[in-house]
PDB file of N, CA and C in Angstrom:
ATOM      1  N   UNK A   1     109.537  92.749 101.356  1.00  0.00           N
ATOM      2  CA  UNK A   1     108.505  93.295 102.181  1.00  0.00           C
ATOM      3  C   UNK A   1     108.907  94.784 102.662  1.00  0.00           C
ATOM      4  N   UNK A   2     109.919  95.349 102.026  1.00  0.00           N
ATOM      5  CA  UNK A   2     110.371  96.593 102.462  1.00  0.00           C
ATOM      6  C   UNK A   2     109.262  97.675 102.264  1.00  0.00           C
ATOM      7  N   UNK A   3     108.390  97.485 101.299  1.00  0.00           N
ATOM      8  CA  UNK A   3     107.246  98.433 101.218  1.00  0.00           C
ATOM      9  C   UNK A   3     106.340  98.596 102.343  1.00  0.00           C
ATOM     10  N   UNK A   4     106.296  97.479 103.162  1.00  0.00           N
ATOM     11  CA  UNK A   4     105.469  97.533 104.318  1.00  0.00           C
ATOM     12  C   UNK A   4     106.173  98.156 105.590  1.00  0.00           C
ATOM     13  N   UNK A   5     107.491  98.287 105.510  1.00  0.00           N
ATOM     14  CA  UNK A   5     108.251  98.726 106.715  1.00  0.00           C
ATOM     15  C   UNK A   5     108.962 100.036 106.479  1.00  0.00           C
ATOM     16  N   UNK A   6     109.119 100.430 105.232  1.00  0.00           N
ATOM     17  CA  UNK A   6     109.976 101.629 104.956  1.00  0.00           C
ATOM     18  C   UNK A   6     109.356 102.895 105.616  1.00  0.00           C
ATOM     19  N   UNK A   7     108.100 103.148 105.388  1.00  0.00           N
ATOM     20  CA  UNK A   7     107.459 104.345 105.945  1.00  0.00           C
ATOM     21  C   UNK A   7     107.420 104.237 107.492  1.00  0.00           C
ATOM     22  N   UNK A   8     106.880 103.180 108.024  1.00  0.00           N
ATOM     23  CA  UNK A   8     106.824 103.090 109.452  1.00  0.00           C
ATOM     24  C   UNK A   8     108.229 103.327 110.074  1.00  0.00           C
ATOM     25  N   UNK A   9     109.210 102.809 109.511  1.00  0.00           N
ATOM     26  CA  UNK A   9     110.549 102.962 110.078  1.00  0.00           C
ATOM     27  C   UNK A   9     111.069 104.465 109.998  1.00  0.00           C
ATOM     28  N   UNK A  10     110.503 105.210 108.996  1.00  0.00           N
ATOM     29  CA  UNK A  10     110.920 106.629 108.856  1.00  0.00           C
ATOM     30  C   UNK A  10     110.297 107.478 109.900  1.00  0.00           C
ATOM     31  N   UNK A  11     109.258 106.956 110.598  1.00  0.00           N
ATOM     32  CA  UNK A  11     108.629 107.627 111.839  1.00  0.00           C
ATOM     33  C   UNK A  11     108.896 106.915 113.079  1.00  0.00           C
ATOM     34  N   UNK A  12     110.034 106.036 113.063  1.00  0.00           N
ATOM     35  CA  UNK A  12     110.484 105.306 114.187  1.00  0.00           C
ATOM     36  C   UNK A  12     109.396 104.306 114.815  1.00  0.00           C
ATOM     37  N   UNK A  13     108.679 103.713 113.978  1.00  0.00           N
ATOM     38  CA  UNK A  13     107.682 102.704 114.352  1.00  0.00           C
ATOM     39  C   UNK A  13     107.891 101.469 113.558  1.00  0.00           C
ATOM     40  N   UNK A  14     107.410 100.280 114.186  1.00  0.00           N
ATOM     41  CA  UNK A  14     107.390  99.142 113.314  1.00  0.00           C
ATOM     42  C   UNK A  14     105.999  99.037 112.688  1.00  0.00           C
ATOM     43  N   UNK A  15     105.738  98.025 111.873  1.00  0.00           N
ATOM     44  CA  UNK A  15     104.478  97.929 111.139  1.00  0.00           C
ATOM     45  C   UNK A  15     103.222  97.982 112.070  1.00  0.00           C
ATOM     46  N   UNK A  16     103.222  97.147 113.062  1.00  0.00           N
ATOM     47  CA  UNK A  16     102.129  97.138 113.944  1.00  0.00           C
ATOM     48  C   UNK A  16     101.896  98.441 114.694  1.00  0.00           C
ATOM     49  N   UNK A  17     102.945  99.005 115.172  1.00  0.00           N
ATOM     50  CA  UNK A  17     102.823 100.296 115.813  1.00  0.00           C
ATOM     51  C   UNK A  17     102.221 101.361 114.960  1.00  0.00           C
ATOM     52  N   UNK A  18     102.745 101.355 113.713  1.00  0.00           N
ATOM     53  CA  UNK A  18     102.190 102.377 112.692  1.00  0.00           C
ATOM     54  C   UNK A  18     100.754 102.107 112.421  1.00  0.00           C
ATOM     55  N   UNK A  19     100.384 100.846 112.343  1.00  0.00           N
ATOM     56  CA  UNK A  19      98.919 100.522 112.128  1.00  0.00           C
ATOM     57  C   UNK A  19      98.092 101.084 113.265  1.00  0.00           C
ATOM     58  N   UNK A  20      98.537 100.869 114.545  1.00  0.00           N
ATOM     59  CA  UNK A  20      97.790 101.305 115.645  1.00  0.00           C
ATOM     60  C   UNK A  20      97.749 102.819 115.666  1.00  0.00           C
ATOM     61  N   UNK A  21      98.818 103.603 115.436  1.00  0.00           N
ATOM     62  CA  UNK A  21      98.825 105.025 115.350  1.00  0.00           C
ATOM     63  C   UNK A  21      97.852 105.474 114.203  1.00  0.00           C
ATOM     64  N   UNK A  22      97.931 104.826 113.029  1.00  0.00           N
ATOM     65  CA  UNK A  22      97.051 105.276 111.942  1.00  0.00           C
ATOM     66  C   UNK A  22      95.647 105.043 112.325  1.00  0.00           C
ATOM     67  N   UNK A  23      95.274 103.949 112.872  1.00  0.00           N
ATOM     68  CA  UNK A  23      93.896 103.731 113.267  1.00  0.00           C
ATOM     69  C   UNK A  23      93.423 104.721 114.438  1.00  0.00           C
ATOM     70  N   UNK A  24      94.389 105.113 115.233  1.00  0.00           N
ATOM     71  CA  UNK A  24      93.994 106.106 116.335  1.00  0.00           C
ATOM     72  C   UNK A  24      93.634 107.470 115.624  1.00  0.00           C
ATOM     73  N   UNK A  25      94.069 107.716 114.389  1.00  0.00           N
ATOM     74  CA  UNK A  25      93.679 108.913 113.667  1.00  0.00           C
ATOM     75  C   UNK A  25      92.485 108.592 112.794  1.00  0.00           C
ATOM     76  N   UNK A  26      92.382 107.382 112.195  1.00  0.00           N
ATOM     77  CA  UNK A  26      91.299 107.047 111.300  1.00  0.00           C
ATOM     78  C   UNK A  26      89.978 107.045 111.937  1.00  0.00           C
ATOM     79  N   UNK A  27      89.858 106.424 113.147  1.00  0.00           N
ATOM     80  CA  UNK A  27      88.542 106.385 113.831  1.00  0.00           C
ATOM     81  C   UNK A  27      87.984 107.746 114.165  1.00  0.00           C
ATOM     82  N   UNK A  28      88.709 108.654 114.769  1.00  0.00           N
ATOM     83  CA  UNK A  28      88.214 109.982 115.012  1.00  0.00           C
ATOM     84  C   UNK A  28      87.813 110.721 113.695  1.00  0.00           C
ATOM     85  N   UNK A  29      88.647 110.429 112.618  1.00  0.00           N
ATOM     86  CA  UNK A  29      88.298 111.147 111.348  1.00  0.00           C
ATOM     87  C   UNK A  29      86.992 110.565 110.832  1.00  0.00           C
ATOM     88  N   UNK A  30      86.742 109.263 111.012  1.00  0.00           N
ATOM     89  CA  UNK A  30      85.456 108.665 110.528  1.00  0.00           C
ATOM     90  C   UNK A  30      84.309 109.363 111.373  1.00  0.00           C
ATOM     91  N   UNK A  31      84.474 109.509 112.619  1.00  0.00           N
ATOM     92  CA  UNK A  31      83.481 110.199 113.479  1.00  0.00           C
ATOM     93  C   UNK A  31      83.233 111.636 112.941  1.00  0.00           C
ATOM     94  N   UNK A  32      84.360 112.324 112.636  1.00  0.00           N
ATOM     95  CA  UNK A  32      84.168 113.694 112.077  1.00  0.00           C
ATOM     96  C   UNK A  32      83.424 113.698 110.845  1.00  0.00           C
ATOM     97  N   UNK A  33      83.750 112.641 109.955  1.00  0.00           N
ATOM     98  CA  UNK A  33      83.124 112.566 108.715  1.00  0.00           C
ATOM     99  C   UNK A  33      81.538 112.371 108.856  1.00  0.00           C
ATOM    100  N   UNK A  34      81.193 111.511 109.778  1.00  0.00           N
ATOM    101  CA  UNK A  34      79.793 111.280 110.027  1.00  0.00           C
ATOM    102  C   UNK A  34      79.101 112.556 110.566  1.00  0.00           C
ATOM    103  N   UNK A  35      79.751 113.275 111.491  1.00  0.00           N
ATOM    104  CA  UNK A  35      79.284 114.473 112.017  1.00  0.00           C
ATOM    105  C   UNK A  35      79.067 115.529 110.924  1.00  0.00           C
ATOM    106  N   UNK A  36      79.983 115.586 109.963  1.00  0.00           N
ATOM    107  CA  UNK A  36      79.790 116.514 108.847  1.00  0.00           C
ATOM    108  C   UNK A  36      78.657 116.243 107.942  1.00  0.00           C
ATOM    109  N   UNK A  37      78.433 114.826 107.689  1.00  0.00           N
ATOM    110  CA  UNK A  37      77.296 114.432 106.911  1.00  0.00           C
ATOM    111  C   UNK A  37      75.989 114.839 107.511  1.00  0.00           C
ATOM    112  N   UNK A  38      75.906 114.612 108.842  1.00  0.00           N
ATOM    113  CA  UNK A  38      74.707 114.959 109.578  1.00  0.00           C
ATOM    114  C   UNK A  38      74.461 116.511 109.532  1.00  0.00           C
ATOM    115  N   UNK A  39      75.620 117.216 109.753  1.00  0.00           N
ATOM    116  CA  UNK A  39      75.570 118.715 109.734  1.00  0.00           C
ATOM    117  C   UNK A  39      75.171 119.220 108.400  1.00  0.00           C
ATOM    118  N   UNK A  40      75.570 118.548 107.317  1.00  0.00           N
ATOM    119  CA  UNK A  40      75.179 118.957 105.997  1.00  0.00           C
ATOM    120  C   UNK A  40      73.569 118.984 105.851  1.00  0.00           C
ATOM    121  N   UNK A  41      72.943 118.004 106.389  1.00  0.00           N
ATOM    122  CA  UNK A  41      71.505 117.907 106.303  1.00  0.00           C
ATOM    123  C   UNK A  41      70.756 118.663 107.379  1.00  0.00           C
ATOM    124  N   UNK A  42      71.414 118.672 108.529  1.00  0.00           N
ATOM    125  CA  UNK A  42      70.772 119.344 109.718  1.00  0.00           C
ATOM    126  C   UNK A  42      71.821 120.380 110.302  1.00  0.00           C
ATOM    127  N   UNK A  43      71.886 121.584 109.671  1.00  0.00           N
ATOM    128  CA  UNK A  43      72.997 122.497 110.048  1.00  0.00           C
ATOM    129  C   UNK A  43      73.021 122.926 111.483  1.00  0.00           C
ATOM    130  N   UNK A  44      71.993 122.776 112.264  1.00  0.00           N
ATOM    131  CA  UNK A  44      72.019 123.087 113.705  1.00  0.00           C
ATOM    132  C   UNK A  44      72.716 122.051 114.569  1.00  0.00           C
ATOM    133  N   UNK A  45      73.026 120.965 113.911  1.00  0.00           N
ATOM    134  CA  UNK A  45      73.730 119.833 114.688  1.00  0.00           C
ATOM    135  C   UNK A  45      75.187 119.863 114.339  1.00  0.00           C
ATOM    136  N   UNK A  46      76.014 119.470 115.337  1.00  0.00           N
ATOM    137  CA  UNK A  46      77.494 119.258 115.069  1.00  0.00           C
ATOM    138  C   UNK A  46      78.143 120.476 114.338  1.00  0.00           C
ATOM    139  N   UNK A  47      77.775 121.667 114.758  1.00  0.00           N
ATOM    140  CA  UNK A  47      78.329 122.906 114.175  1.00  0.00           C
ATOM    141  C   UNK A  47      79.840 122.927 114.149  1.00  0.00           C
ATOM    142  N   UNK A  48      80.485 122.375 115.214  1.00  0.00           N
ATOM    143  CA  UNK A  48      81.955 122.624 115.278  1.00  0.00           C
ATOM    144  C   UNK A  48      82.626 121.303 115.505  1.00  0.00           C
ATOM    145  N   UNK A  49      81.900 120.190 115.452  1.00  0.00           N
ATOM    146  CA  UNK A  49      82.474 118.888 115.768  1.00  0.00           C
ATOM    147  C   UNK A  49      83.609 118.480 114.811  1.00  0.00           C
ATOM    148  N   UNK A  50      83.375 118.581 113.485  1.00  0.00           N
ATOM    149  CA  UNK A  50      84.361 118.113 112.575  1.00  0.00           C
ATOM    150  C   UNK A  50      85.628 118.897 112.659  1.00  0.00           C
ATOM    151  N   UNK A  51      85.525 120.221 112.746  1.00  0.00           N
ATOM    152  CA  UNK A  51      86.725 121.001 112.744  1.00  0.00           C
ATOM    153  C   UNK A  51      87.475 120.878 114.083  1.00  0.00           C
ATOM    154  N   UNK A  52      86.683 120.672 115.152  1.00  0.00           N
ATOM    155  CA  UNK A  52      87.315 120.477 116.479  1.00  0.00           C
ATOM    156  C   UNK A  52      88.128 119.116 116.538  1.00  0.00           C
ATOM    157  N   UNK A  53      87.591 118.052 115.939  1.00  0.00           N
ATOM    158  CA  UNK A  53      88.269 116.806 115.842  1.00  0.00           C
ATOM    159  C   UNK A  53      89.535 116.965 114.946  1.00  0.00           C
ATOM    160  N   UNK A  54      89.420 117.574 113.831  1.00  0.00           N
ATOM    161  CA  UNK A  54      90.558 117.677 112.947  1.00  0.00           C
ATOM    162  C   UNK A  54      91.641 118.583 113.571  1.00  0.00           C
ATOM    163  N   UNK A  55      91.232 119.650 114.267  1.00  0.00           N
ATOM    164  CA  UNK A  55      92.270 120.443 114.973  1.00  0.00           C
ATOM    165  C   UNK A  55      92.954 119.719 116.084  1.00  0.00           C
ATOM    166  N   UNK A  56      92.226 118.900 116.784  1.00  0.00           N
ATOM    167  CA  UNK A  56      92.812 118.106 117.841  1.00  0.00           C
ATOM    168  C   UNK A  56      93.772 117.042 117.324  1.00  0.00           C
ATOM    169  N   UNK A  57      93.386 116.394 116.130  1.00  0.00           N
ATOM    170  CA  UNK A  57      94.294 115.408 115.586  1.00  0.00           C
ATOM    171  C   UNK A  57      95.493 116.017 114.923  1.00  0.00           C
ATOM    172  N   UNK A  58      95.358 117.250 114.329  1.00  0.00           N
ATOM    173  CA  UNK A  58      96.490 117.934 113.814  1.00  0.00           C
ATOM    174  C   UNK A  58      97.535 118.248 114.941  1.00  0.00           C
ATOM    175  N   UNK A  59      96.980 118.875 115.980  1.00  0.00           N
ATOM    176  CA  UNK A  59      97.817 119.157 117.083  1.00  0.00           C
ATOM    177  C   UNK A  59      98.566 118.033 117.678  1.00  0.00           C
ATOM    178  N   UNK A  60      97.921 116.894 117.724  1.00  0.00           N
ATOM    179  CA  UNK A  60      98.511 115.650 118.265  1.00  0.00           C
ATOM    180  C   UNK A  60      99.656 115.210 117.364  1.00  0.00           C
ATOM    181  N   UNK A  61      99.340 115.341 116.033  1.00  0.00           N
ATOM    182  CA  UNK A  61     100.305 114.791 115.004  1.00  0.00           C
ATOM    183  C   UNK A  61     101.544 115.579 115.061  1.00  0.00           C
ATOM    184  N   UNK A  62     101.425 116.929 115.160  1.00  0.00           N
ATOM    185  CA  UNK A  62     102.595 117.889 115.112  1.00  0.00           C
ATOM    186  C   UNK A  62     103.367 117.639 116.464  1.00  0.00           C
ATOM    187  N   UNK A  63     102.707 117.559 117.574  1.00  0.00           N
ATOM    188  CA  UNK A  63     103.372 117.386 118.824  1.00  0.00           C
ATOM    189  C   UNK A  63     104.151 116.026 118.857  1.00  0.00           C
ATOM    190  N   UNK A  64     103.561 114.986 118.301  1.00  0.00           N
ATOM    191  CA  UNK A  64     104.107 113.677 118.272  1.00  0.00           C
ATOM    192  C   UNK A  64     105.383 113.651 117.386  1.00  0.00           C
ATOM    193  N   UNK A  65     105.202 114.348 116.173  1.00  0.00           N
ATOM    194  CA  UNK A  65     106.280 114.449 115.232  1.00  0.00           C
ATOM    195  C   UNK A  65     107.461 115.191 115.825  1.00  0.00           C
ATOM    196  N   UNK A  66     107.157 116.371 116.424  1.00  0.00           N
ATOM    197  CA  UNK A  66     108.191 117.160 117.098  1.00  0.00           C
ATOM    198  C   UNK A  66     108.998 116.452 118.168  1.00  0.00           C
ATOM    199  N   UNK A  67     108.225 115.647 118.924  1.00  0.00           N
ATOM    200  CA  UNK A  67     108.858 114.900 119.986  1.00  0.00           C
ATOM    201  C   UNK A  67     109.910 113.918 119.436  1.00  0.00           C
ATOM    202  N   UNK A  68     109.576 113.277 118.342  1.00  0.00           N
ATOM    203  CA  UNK A  68     110.530 112.296 117.754  1.00  0.00           C
ATOM    204  C   UNK A  68     111.684 113.025 117.130  1.00  0.00           C
ATOM    205  N   UNK A  69     111.548 114.177 116.593  1.00  0.00           N
ATOM    206  CA  UNK A  69     112.728 114.800 115.927  1.00  0.00           C
ATOM    207  C   UNK A  69     113.482 115.697 116.951  1.00  0.00           C
ATOM    208  N   UNK A  70     112.908 115.909 118.044  1.00  0.00           N
ATOM    209  CA  UNK A  70     113.584 116.820 119.019  1.00  0.00           C
ATOM    210  C   UNK A  70     113.317 118.234 118.714  1.00  0.00           C
ATOM    211  N   UNK A  71     112.525 118.640 117.765  1.00  0.00           N
ATOM    212  CA  UNK A  71     112.207 120.033 117.454  1.00  0.00           C
ATOM    213  C   UNK A  71     111.222 120.622 118.364  1.00  0.00           C
ATOM    214  N   UNK A  72     111.322 121.903 118.567  1.00  0.00           N
ATOM    215  CA  UNK A  72     110.349 122.569 119.429  1.00  0.00           C
ATOM    216  C   UNK A  72     109.569 123.385 118.472  1.00  0.00           C
ATOM    217  N   UNK A  73     108.347 122.996 118.135  1.00  0.00           N
ATOM    218  CA  UNK A  73     107.476 123.745 117.242  1.00  0.00           C
ATOM    219  C   UNK A  73     106.235 124.096 117.942  1.00  0.00           C
ATOM    220  N   UNK A  74     105.804 125.357 117.874  1.00  0.00           N
ATOM    221  CA  UNK A  74     104.607 125.791 118.580  1.00  0.00           C
ATOM    222  C   UNK A  74     103.476 125.402 117.630  1.00  0.00           C
ATOM    223  N   UNK A  75     102.478 124.792 118.311  1.00  0.00           N
ATOM    224  CA  UNK A  75     101.289 124.292 117.660  1.00  0.00           C
ATOM    225  C   UNK A  75     100.475 125.500 117.109  1.00  0.00           C
ATOM    226  N   UNK A  76      99.758 125.399 116.013  1.00  0.00           N
ATOM    227  CA  UNK A  76      98.949 126.496 115.568  1.00  0.00           C
ATOM    228  C   UNK A  76      97.881 126.830 116.523  1.00  0.00           C
ATOM    229  N   UNK A  77      97.410 125.883 117.343  1.00  0.00           N
ATOM    230  CA  UNK A  77      96.413 126.152 118.359  1.00  0.00           C
ATOM    231  C   UNK A  77      96.989 127.173 119.405  1.00  0.00           C
ATOM    232  N   UNK A  78      98.190 127.014 119.744  1.00  0.00           N
ATOM    233  CA  UNK A  78      98.844 127.875 120.789  1.00  0.00           C
ATOM    234  C   UNK A  78      99.017 129.300 120.268  1.00  0.00           C
ATOM    235  N   UNK A  79      99.050 129.470 118.976  1.00  0.00           N
ATOM    236  CA  UNK A  79      99.234 130.885 118.481  1.00  0.00           C
ATOM    237  C   UNK A  79      97.868 131.580 118.160  1.00  0.00           C
ATOM    238  N   UNK A  80      96.753 130.993 118.457  1.00  0.00           N
ATOM    239  CA  UNK A  80      95.515 131.581 118.207  1.00  0.00           C
ATOM    240  C   UNK A  80      95.131 132.565 119.319  1.00  0.00           C
TER     241      UNK A  80
END
């Protein structure tokens, strides 16, 4: 069963913790996907929703990863 635990362990999580973290990214991404589909047909709607969600998730992922490794990395958002 190492295939189920190897990657979660590499990010200091167990299987269930990793599932929760992954879902906390998957659900907002699904929302961004839906917003992008609507935006494709109705360009006046959700003009920045998809990119805003992705930026927020990326910043969260980088911050979370850096906290675990002890690195101090400035988020791309902070450099804009």
